[in-house]
Amino acid sequence: MRLSLRNRLAAVFFAINLVAFGALYMYLAPGLQDRLIGDRLHELAAQAERGAGLIVPAAGSSAPISMVRREVDAASLESGARVTLLLVPHAGQTAHLSILADSSNLAASTPLAFSAARKAIRSTIPTTATESARGQTVAEAAWPVTYQGRVAAVIVFSAPVTDIIATGRRVRHETLVAGAIGLLLALLGGYVLARALERRVKRLELAVGQVAAGDFESPIEVDSSDELGQLARAFNQMQHQLGQLESARKKFIATASHELRTPIFSLGGFVELLEDDDLDPETRRRFLEQVKLQVERLRKLSVNLLDLSQLESGTLELRPEQVDLGELTRSVSGEFEPTLTGHDSHLELRFTQRTIEALCDPVRVAQILRILIDNALTHTPPGTRIAVTAARVDGHIRLEVRDDGGGIEPDALPRIFEPFYTADDAQGSGLGLAIASELAECMSGRLSVSSKSGHTTFTLELPT
């Protein structure tokens, strides 16, 4: 039978409390009575040692028996125990012990066998023991009195310990009752707590199922700051990010489909027109130029989509090497000479140092420069002046592409690096700047933009 999480947690809580109570009971209950009786015997032994100092001189002198009995009574009054002075008739004989003095009324007191005294006679050293008499347990401490090398008398301090035994039994009983109540409360409390935890875990399970089904709009209520609350908060963050990714994916697919559909439909239309045998050479040439432009547009779009896919998946490989950025900038700028001529624009190169070197991937840095220069030419009117600057600033390499065009609208600046976003109606996929920004981050750099009316500057910062 498979137990639920609630029942398993409750069982674990109960088992932990059961083990803890069992360990406490095994330590406390069995030895408590022995420890208490041992303490009482130790106390009687100390009292016997002190009392012997008063009784022995009186018993060993020619003082009358009444004085000895007074000393015995005084020792009993001081200690609170029964004090008995026993005479040993013959050396080592324990069978016949006679009571010389007793602090209690012999007729009313419990008759004792004085087992501690008999042990003390045999061992000739102070001894403690317990014995049972008339249903009572009595603790005894015997102090042997030697005379001419033999035990002539024994002083016995005794006290009943029946109350200690009763206390031990009561403690064991109360411990068992308290333990049973504690275990019952632990079981109920563990069950309630486990049920609450199960509900919270079940809520997470249902939320996971909703996310798996594509629902990213139903966050979990964060009702605490504990580990499950932190898990719920992390789950909500993950759900929000997944929702953004899903939205971006749908937008990416829709935009990519649209970007691909336009040139494909255009190509299909021009192909149909070119099938007409009655076209004059000039019209055919213009149609072929349009076909060529659409094919180039498809090529650039496919390359950009591939680059963006590799960047987002983290599979783009970089090959860093020591590069002269001044020479690289001149080479890339030279590629735009025909376009600059057709655009009636002028590109100016500015270098603050003779040699500007950095450890980077030259292919990817050149790609970023091409994107920025092409973006300046695409989104500015003919005759716009463009400046490319390379400099070393505060331990970083800074490449700037500045144009003197109309600038970018303030509302468009925060989205300028989003895929497929275009700030105007100029033809383009809107992928270039997004790819350039991702490439900069892959090289531990940063691509930023600042724009005002009359000029726009894109700045690429790279570590040296």
Protein backbone atom coordinates (compact mmCIF):
# COMPACT_ATOMS: atom_id res chain seq x y z
CA MET A 1 0.00 0.00 0.00
CA ARG A 2 1.44 3.34 -1.05
CA LEU A 3 1.26 5.96 1.70
CA SER A 4 0.52 9.54 0.84
CA LEU A 5 2.99 12.31 1.62
CA ARG A 6 0.73 13.46 4.46
CA ASN A 7 0.66 10.04 6.14
CA ARG A 8 4.38 9.49 5.64
CA LEU A 9 5.26 12.87 7.18
CA ALA A 10 2.91 12.22 10.12
CA ALA A 11 4.48 8.79 10.62
CA VAL A 12 7.97 10.28 10.52
CA PHE A 13 7.06 12.93 13.11
CA PHE A 14 5.49 10.27 15.34
CA ALA A 15 8.50 7.97 15.00
CA ILE A 16 10.91 10.78 15.88
CA ASN A 17 8.95 11.64 19.03
CA LEU A 18 8.60 7.95 19.94
CA VAL A 19 12.36 7.42 19.69
CA ALA A 20 13.05 10.58 21.69
CA PHE A 21 10.59 9.59 24.41
CA GLY A 22 11.91 6.03 24.52
CA ALA A 23 15.46 7.27 24.95
CA LEU A 24 14.36 9.66 27.72
CA TYR A 25 12.37 6.96 29.54
CA MET A 26 15.17 4.37 29.31
CA TYR A 27 17.60 6.90 30.77
CA LEU A 28 15.27 8.28 33.47
CA ALA A 29 12.95 5.54 34.73
CA PRO A 30 15.09 2.42 35.37
CA GLY A 31 17.95 4.18 37.16
CA LEU A 32 16.01 6.88 38.96
CA GLN A 33 15.08 4.71 41.96
CA ASP A 34 18.61 3.29 42.26
CA ARG A 35 20.13 6.77 42.05
CA LEU A 36 17.79 8.14 44.73
CA ILE A 37 18.46 5.19 47.08
CA GLY A 38 22.18 5.51 46.36
CA ASP A 39 22.03 9.18 47.32
CA ARG A 40 20.23 8.24 50.55
CA LEU A 41 22.84 5.57 51.37
CA HIS A 42 25.65 8.04 50.70
CA GLU A 43 23.97 10.55 53.02
CA LEU A 44 23.56 7.91 55.77
CA ALA A 45 27.22 6.89 55.42
CA ALA A 46 28.30 10.50 55.90
CA GLN A 47 26.01 10.82 58.94
CA ALA A 48 27.38 7.55 60.36
CA GLU A 49 30.93 8.86 60.05
CA ARG A 50 30.04 12.08 61.89
CA GLY A 51 27.94 10.29 64.52
CA ALA A 52 30.66 7.75 65.24
CA GLY A 53 32.89 10.57 66.42
CA LEU A 54 30.44 11.23 69.26
CA ILE A 55 29.22 7.75 70.05
CA VAL A 56 32.51 5.81 69.98
CA PRO A 57 34.25 7.81 72.78
CA ALA A 58 31.22 7.40 75.04
CA ALA A 59 30.83 3.70 74.29
CA GLY A 60 34.54 3.02 74.78
CA SER A 61 34.75 4.68 78.20
CA SER A 62 33.46 3.81 81.62
CA ALA A 63 30.55 6.19 81.14
CA PRO A 64 27.15 4.85 82.16
CA ILE A 65 24.92 3.34 79.56
CA SER A 66 22.51 6.24 79.89
CA MET A 67 25.18 8.61 78.53
CA VAL A 68 25.78 6.31 75.56
CA ARG A 69 22.08 6.27 74.85
CA ARG A 70 21.97 10.06 75.06
CA GLU A 71 24.73 10.29 72.45
CA VAL A 72 22.83 7.83 70.25
CA ASP A 73 19.65 9.88 70.60
CA ALA A 74 21.55 13.08 69.87
CA ALA A 75 23.03 11.56 66.71
CA SER A 76 19.56 10.42 65.65
CA LEU A 77 18.08 13.84 66.32
CA GLU A 78 20.81 15.54 64.34
CA SER A 79 20.64 13.16 61.34
CA GLY A 80 16.93 12.39 61.34
CA ALA A 81 17.75 8.69 61.00
CA ARG A 82 17.36 5.76 63.38
CA VAL A 83 20.65 5.10 65.15
CA THR A 84 21.42 1.71 66.67
CA LEU A 85 24.53 0.65 68.58
CA LEU A 86 25.11 -3.10 68.30
CA LEU A 87 27.55 -5.16 70.37
CA VAL A 88 29.45 -8.07 68.82
CA PRO A 89 29.83 -10.76 71.52
CA HIS A 90 32.56 -12.76 69.81
CA ALA A 91 35.09 -11.78 67.11
CA GLY A 92 33.67 -12.23 63.63
CA GLN A 93 30.40 -13.68 64.94
CA THR A 94 27.33 -12.12 63.32
CA ALA A 95 24.69 -14.53 64.45
CA HIS A 96 24.18 -13.00 67.87
CA LEU A 97 24.16 -9.21 67.84
CA SER A 98 22.82 -7.43 70.88
CA ILE A 99 21.38 -3.94 70.85
CA LEU A 100 23.16 -1.75 73.38
CA ALA A 101 21.31 1.45 72.46
CA ASP A 102 18.61 2.40 69.92
CA SER A 103 17.17 5.81 69.22
CA SER A 104 13.75 4.33 68.45
CA ASN A 105 11.22 2.56 70.56
CA LEU A 106 12.12 -1.08 70.07
CA ALA A 107 8.61 -2.22 70.81
CA ALA A 108 7.09 0.04 68.16
CA SER A 109 9.88 0.17 65.57
CA THR A 110 10.41 -2.22 62.72
CA PRO A 111 12.68 -5.14 63.67
CA LEU A 112 15.75 -5.19 61.41
CA ALA A 113 18.22 -7.90 60.51
CA PHE A 114 20.96 -5.29 60.22
CA SER A 115 22.45 -6.75 57.03
CA ALA A 116 24.77 -3.76 56.65
CA ALA A 117 26.16 -4.37 60.16
CA ARG A 118 26.87 -8.00 59.42
CA LYS A 119 28.71 -7.03 56.20
CA ALA A 120 30.72 -4.43 58.12
CA ILE A 121 31.72 -7.03 60.73
CA ARG A 122 33.01 -9.36 58.03
CA SER A 123 34.79 -6.63 56.03
CA THR A 124 35.79 -4.44 59.03
CA ILE A 125 35.06 -1.34 56.91
CA PRO A 126 32.05 0.99 56.72
CA THR A 127 29.32 -0.59 54.62
CA THR A 128 25.91 0.36 53.23
CA ALA A 129 23.04 -1.93 52.32
CA THR A 130 19.26 -2.15 52.01
CA GLU A 131 16.88 -4.72 53.47
CA SER A 132 13.15 -5.39 53.52
CA ALA A 133 11.23 -5.60 56.74
CA ARG A 134 7.47 -5.82 57.15
CA GLY A 135 6.86 -4.65 53.61
CA GLN A 136 9.23 -1.71 53.95
CA THR A 137 12.63 -1.15 52.38
CA VAL A 138 15.22 0.28 54.76
CA ALA A 139 18.56 1.86 53.84
CA GLU A 140 21.40 1.22 56.28
CA ALA A 141 24.90 2.58 56.82
CA ALA A 142 27.10 0.60 59.28
CA TRP A 143 30.22 1.97 60.97
CA PRO A 144 32.36 -0.73 62.63
CA VAL A 145 34.02 0.06 65.97
CA THR A 146 37.24 -1.94 66.49
CA TYR A 147 38.86 -2.80 69.78
CA GLN A 148 42.22 -4.58 70.00
CA GLY A 149 42.09 -5.56 66.36
CA ARG A 150 38.52 -6.89 66.26
CA VAL A 151 35.09 -5.41 65.61
CA ALA A 152 33.58 -4.98 69.03
CA ALA A 153 30.55 -2.90 68.06
CA VAL A 154 28.72 -1.50 65.05
CA ILE A 155 26.90 1.80 64.76
CA VAL A 156 24.03 1.58 62.28
CA PHE A 157 22.23 4.58 60.81
CA SER A 158 19.01 3.47 59.10
CA ALA A 159 16.06 5.13 57.40
CA PRO A 160 13.12 3.80 55.38
CA VAL A 161 13.26 4.44 51.64
CA THR A 162 9.78 3.20 50.84
CA ASP A 163 8.81 6.78 49.93
CA ILE A 164 11.69 6.92 47.47
CA ILE A 165 10.52 3.69 45.83
CA ALA A 166 6.97 5.03 45.69
CA THR A 167 8.26 8.26 44.19
CA GLY A 168 10.20 6.30 41.54
CA ARG A 169 7.11 4.31 40.63
CA ARG A 170 5.05 7.47 40.47
CA VAL A 171 7.63 9.16 38.28
CA ARG A 172 7.66 6.18 35.91
CA HIS A 173 3.88 6.18 35.78
CA GLU A 174 3.65 9.92 35.23
CA THR A 175 6.39 9.73 32.61
CA LEU A 176 4.48 7.03 30.73
CA VAL A 177 1.25 9.02 30.90
CA ALA A 178 2.95 12.25 29.83
CA GLY A 179 4.79 10.38 27.08
CA ALA A 180 1.55 8.85 25.80
CA ILE A 181 -0.13 12.26 25.77
CA GLY A 182 2.94 13.80 24.10
CA LEU A 183 3.00 11.08 21.43
CA LEU A 184 -0.71 11.55 20.77
CA LEU A 185 -0.25 15.32 20.43
CA ALA A 186 2.82 14.74 18.24
CA LEU A 187 0.80 12.43 16.01
CA LEU A 188 -2.08 14.89 15.73
CA GLY A 189 0.23 17.88 15.29
CA GLY A 190 2.36 16.02 12.75
CA TYR A 191 -0.77 15.01 10.84
CA VAL A 192 -2.08 18.59 10.77
CA LEU A 193 1.31 19.97 9.75
CA ALA A 194 1.80 17.25 7.14
CA ARG A 195 -1.66 17.95 5.77
CA ALA A 196 -0.87 21.65 5.46
CA LEU A 197 2.44 20.84 3.73
CA GLU A 198 0.68 18.39 1.45
CA ARG A 199 -1.85 21.04 0.40
CA ARG A 200 0.96 23.47 -0.41
CA VAL A 201 2.89 20.83 -2.36
CA LYS A 202 -0.33 19.80 -4.15
CA ARG A 203 -0.85 23.43 -5.12
CA LEU A 204 2.63 23.47 -6.66
CA GLU A 205 1.87 20.22 -8.45
CA LEU A 206 -1.31 21.66 -9.95
CA ALA A 207 0.55 24.81 -10.98
CA VAL A 208 3.22 22.71 -12.70
CA GLY A 209 0.46 20.92 -14.60
CA GLN A 210 -1.02 24.26 -15.67
CA VAL A 211 2.36 25.45 -16.92
CA ALA A 212 2.86 22.16 -18.76
CA ALA A 213 -0.53 22.76 -20.41
CA GLY A 214 0.62 26.22 -21.54
CA ASP A 215 -1.04 28.40 -18.88
CA PHE A 216 1.48 31.07 -17.83
CA GLU A 217 -1.03 33.53 -16.35
CA SER A 218 -1.93 31.84 -13.02
CA PRO A 219 0.77 32.55 -10.41
CA ILE A 220 0.84 30.74 -7.08
CA GLU A 221 -0.08 32.69 -3.96
CA VAL A 222 3.02 33.18 -1.79
CA ASP A 223 1.65 32.72 1.74
CA SER A 224 4.88 32.40 3.75
CA SER A 225 8.59 33.18 3.74
CA ASP A 226 9.77 29.62 4.45
CA GLU A 227 11.36 27.23 1.96
CA LEU A 228 8.03 26.38 0.29
CA GLY A 229 7.22 30.09 0.09
CA GLN A 230 10.59 30.72 -1.56
CA LEU A 231 9.89 27.82 -3.91
CA ALA A 232 6.51 29.32 -4.80
CA ARG A 233 8.18 32.70 -5.42
CA ALA A 234 10.83 31.07 -7.63
CA PHE A 235 8.10 29.14 -9.45
CA ASN A 236 6.21 32.37 -10.16
CA GLN A 237 9.38 33.94 -11.52
CA MET A 238 9.98 30.89 -13.69
CA GLN A 239 6.37 30.98 -14.87
CA HIS A 240 6.71 34.67 -15.75
CA GLN A 241 9.94 34.03 -17.66
CA LEU A 242 8.39 31.07 -19.46
CA GLY A 243 5.45 33.27 -20.37
CA GLN A 244 7.80 35.87 -21.78
CA LEU A 245 9.72 33.20 -23.68
CA GLU A 246 6.50 31.74 -25.05
CA SER A 247 5.32 35.18 -26.08
CA ALA A 248 8.69 35.91 -27.69
CA ARG A 249 8.63 32.53 -29.43
CA LYS A 250 5.18 33.15 -30.89
CA LYS A 251 6.18 36.65 -31.91
CA PHE A 252 9.42 35.34 -33.38
CA ILE A 253 7.60 32.70 -35.42
CA ALA A 254 4.96 35.15 -36.58
CA THR A 255 7.47 37.84 -37.52
CA ALA A 256 9.89 35.41 -39.13
CA SER A 257 7.06 33.90 -41.13
CA HIS A 258 6.00 37.34 -42.26
CA GLU A 259 9.55 38.36 -43.15
CA LEU A 260 10.04 35.18 -45.14
CA ARG A 261 6.62 35.28 -46.77
CA THR A 262 7.09 38.73 -48.29
CA PRO A 263 10.20 38.01 -50.40
CA ILE A 264 8.97 34.51 -51.29
CA PHE A 265 5.66 35.85 -52.60
CA SER A 266 7.53 38.61 -54.40
CA LEU A 267 9.85 36.06 -56.02
CA GLY A 268 6.87 33.95 -57.06
CA GLY A 269 5.25 36.95 -58.71
CA PHE A 270 8.42 37.96 -60.59
CA VAL A 271 8.98 34.39 -61.74
CA GLU A 272 5.47 34.32 -63.23
CA LEU A 273 6.11 37.64 -64.94
CA LEU A 274 9.44 36.45 -66.33
CA GLU A 275 7.70 33.46 -67.92
CA ASP A 276 6.03 35.89 -70.33
CA ASP A 277 7.86 35.61 -73.67
CA ASP A 278 6.63 39.01 -74.76
CA LEU A 279 8.64 40.96 -72.13
CA ASP A 280 11.04 43.47 -73.59
CA PRO A 281 14.70 43.23 -72.49
CA GLU A 282 14.57 46.33 -70.31
CA THR A 283 11.55 45.13 -68.34
CA ARG A 284 13.08 41.67 -67.98
CA ARG A 285 16.30 43.24 -66.67
CA ARG A 286 14.38 45.27 -64.08
CA PHE A 287 12.46 42.17 -62.97
CA LEU A 288 15.72 40.23 -62.65
CA GLU A 289 17.17 43.03 -60.53
CA GLN A 290 14.18 42.77 -58.23
CA VAL A 291 14.57 38.99 -58.07
CA LYS A 292 18.23 39.49 -57.18
CA LEU A 293 17.32 41.96 -54.42
CA GLN A 294 14.72 39.58 -52.94
CA VAL A 295 17.18 36.66 -53.04
CA GLU A 296 19.77 38.80 -51.23
CA ARG A 297 17.12 39.78 -48.71
CA LEU A 298 16.31 36.11 -48.10
CA ARG A 299 19.99 35.27 -47.76
CA LYS A 300 20.58 37.99 -45.17
CA LEU A 301 17.43 37.03 -43.29
CA SER A 302 18.37 33.35 -43.15
CA VAL A 303 21.90 34.16 -41.98
CA ASN A 304 20.54 36.53 -39.33
CA LEU A 305 18.00 33.97 -38.13
CA LEU A 306 20.75 31.34 -37.85
CA ASP A 307 23.02 33.71 -35.94
CA LEU A 308 20.22 34.73 -33.58
CA SER A 309 19.29 31.09 -32.97
CA GLN A 310 22.89 30.18 -32.12
CA LEU A 311 23.22 33.19 -29.83
CA GLU A 312 20.03 32.42 -27.92
CA SER A 313 20.90 28.72 -27.58
CA GLY A 314 24.49 29.48 -26.53
CA THR A 315 26.06 27.39 -29.30
CA LEU A 316 27.87 30.23 -31.07
CA GLU A 317 31.62 29.63 -31.00
CA LEU A 318 34.03 32.52 -30.52
CA ARG A 319 37.67 32.45 -31.65
CA PRO A 320 39.41 35.30 -29.82
CA GLU A 321 42.81 36.53 -30.92
CA GLN A 322 44.91 39.68 -30.67
CA VAL A 323 43.42 42.10 -33.21
CA ASP A 324 44.40 45.55 -34.43
CA LEU A 325 40.99 47.23 -34.30
CA GLY A 326 42.19 50.19 -36.35
CA GLU A 327 43.10 47.93 -39.27
CA LEU A 328 39.87 45.95 -38.81
CA THR A 329 37.78 49.14 -38.89
CA ARG A 330 39.50 50.32 -42.09
CA SER A 331 38.85 46.96 -43.76
CA VAL A 332 35.13 46.90 -42.85
CA SER A 333 34.64 50.56 -43.84
CA GLY A 334 36.19 49.83 -47.24
CA GLU A 335 33.46 47.28 -47.95
CA PHE A 336 30.87 50.08 -47.91
CA GLU A 337 32.50 52.34 -50.49
CA PRO A 338 30.02 51.41 -53.29
CA THR A 339 27.06 51.82 -50.93
CA LEU A 340 28.38 55.12 -49.62
CA THR A 341 28.76 56.37 -53.16
CA GLY A 342 25.19 55.38 -54.03
CA HIS A 343 23.93 56.96 -50.83
CA ASP A 344 25.94 60.12 -51.44
CA SER A 345 27.34 59.83 -47.92
CA HIS A 346 30.80 60.23 -46.45
CA LEU A 347 32.33 57.88 -43.84
CA GLU A 348 35.06 59.30 -41.62
CA LEU A 349 37.48 57.20 -39.53
CA ARG A 350 38.85 58.58 -36.26
CA PHE A 351 41.56 56.86 -34.16
CA THR A 352 42.91 58.26 -30.90
CA GLN A 353 46.00 55.98 -30.94
CA ARG A 354 48.21 54.75 -33.71
CA THR A 355 47.66 51.10 -32.70
CA ILE A 356 44.57 49.90 -30.85
CA GLU A 357 44.76 46.20 -30.02
CA ALA A 358 42.30 43.97 -28.18
CA LEU A 359 41.75 40.26 -27.57
CA CYS A 360 38.52 39.48 -29.41
CA ASP A 361 36.94 37.52 -32.24
CA PRO A 362 37.73 39.62 -35.34
CA VAL A 363 34.96 38.02 -37.42
CA ARG A 364 32.28 38.91 -34.86
CA VAL A 365 33.60 42.42 -34.21
CA ALA A 366 33.59 43.01 -37.97
CA GLN A 367 30.02 41.68 -38.10
CA ILE A 368 28.94 44.18 -35.44
CA LEU A 369 30.61 47.06 -37.32
CA ARG A 370 28.90 46.03 -40.58
CA ILE A 371 25.53 45.96 -38.81
CA LEU A 372 26.03 49.41 -37.27
CA ILE A 373 27.30 51.05 -40.50
CA ASP A 374 24.55 49.39 -42.56
CA ASN A 375 21.98 50.54 -39.99
CA ALA A 376 23.25 54.12 -40.29
CA LEU A 377 23.02 54.03 -44.08
CA THR A 378 19.59 52.38 -44.06
CA HIS A 379 17.89 54.72 -41.59
CA THR A 380 19.34 58.09 -42.63
CA PRO A 381 18.66 60.28 -45.67
CA PRO A 382 21.18 60.54 -48.53
CA GLY A 383 24.14 62.79 -47.88
CA THR A 384 24.34 61.95 -44.17
CA ARG A 385 27.81 62.08 -42.63
CA ILE A 386 28.91 58.97 -40.75
CA ALA A 387 31.89 58.77 -38.37
CA VAL A 388 33.54 55.61 -36.98
CA THR A 389 35.74 56.18 -33.91
CA ALA A 390 38.10 53.71 -32.20
CA ALA A 391 39.70 54.55 -28.84
CA ARG A 392 41.07 53.04 -25.64
CA VAL A 393 39.21 54.47 -22.62
CA ASP A 394 39.63 53.41 -18.95
CA GLY A 395 40.99 49.99 -19.79
CA HIS A 396 38.30 49.29 -22.39
CA ILE A 397 38.14 49.48 -26.17
CA ARG A 398 35.39 51.74 -27.43
CA LEU A 399 34.10 51.64 -31.02
CA GLU A 400 31.53 54.29 -31.97
CA VAL A 401 29.41 54.64 -35.10
CA ARG A 402 27.81 58.09 -35.29
CA ASP A 403 25.52 59.49 -37.93
CA ASP A 404 24.10 62.97 -38.35
CA GLY A 405 20.63 61.79 -39.30
CA GLY A 406 17.30 62.69 -37.80
CA GLY A 407 17.81 60.61 -34.63
CA ILE A 408 15.65 57.91 -33.01
CA GLU A 409 12.36 58.61 -31.30
CA PRO A 410 12.67 58.45 -27.46
CA ASP A 411 9.89 55.84 -27.27
CA ALA A 412 11.82 53.57 -29.62
CA LEU A 413 15.16 53.66 -27.78
CA PRO A 414 14.27 51.06 -25.07
CA ARG A 415 13.26 48.56 -27.77
CA ILE A 416 15.95 49.25 -30.31
CA PHE A 417 17.79 45.97 -29.58
CA GLU A 418 14.68 43.76 -29.62
CA PRO A 419 14.50 41.15 -32.44
CA PHE A 420 12.32 42.21 -35.41
CA TYR A 421 11.78 45.69 -34.05
CA THR A 422 12.19 48.54 -36.51
CA ALA A 423 11.92 52.18 -35.51
CA ASP A 424 10.70 53.39 -38.92
CA ASP A 425 9.26 52.10 -42.17
CA ALA A 426 12.65 51.38 -43.73
CA GLN A 427 13.03 47.97 -45.27
CA GLY A 428 14.73 45.46 -42.99
CA SER A 429 14.14 42.47 -40.73
CA GLY A 430 14.91 44.21 -37.46
CA LEU A 431 17.42 41.51 -36.51
CA GLY A 432 20.71 43.30 -37.07
CA LEU A 433 20.89 45.35 -33.87
CA ALA A 434 19.56 42.45 -31.78
CA ILE A 435 22.35 40.23 -33.14
CA ALA A 436 24.96 42.94 -32.58
CA SER A 437 23.88 43.36 -28.95
CA GLU A 438 23.96 39.59 -28.31
CA LEU A 439 27.40 39.31 -29.93
CA ALA A 440 28.73 42.11 -27.72
CA GLU A 441 27.50 40.34 -24.58
CA CYS A 442 29.04 37.04 -25.73
CA MET A 443 32.42 38.83 -25.90
CA SER A 444 31.90 40.27 -22.37
CA GLY A 445 31.20 43.65 -23.90
CA ARG A 446 28.23 45.98 -24.21
CA LEU A 447 26.43 47.73 -27.03
CA SER A 448 24.59 50.94 -26.18
CA VAL A 449 22.86 53.75 -28.07
CA SER A 450 22.33 57.45 -27.49
CA SER A 451 20.26 59.61 -29.79
CA LYS A 452 19.17 63.22 -30.00
CA SER A 453 17.71 65.27 -32.76
CA GLY A 454 20.46 65.57 -35.36
CA HIS A 455 22.69 62.63 -34.42
CA THR A 456 22.69 59.00 -33.22
CA THR A 457 25.66 57.16 -31.71
CA PHE A 458 26.04 53.41 -31.22
CA THR A 459 28.87 52.52 -28.83
CA LEU A 460 30.53 49.10 -28.59
CA GLU A 461 32.68 48.57 -25.46
CA LEU A 462 35.02 45.57 -25.29
CA PRO A 463 37.53 44.49 -22.64
CA THR A 464 41.18 44.78 -23.64
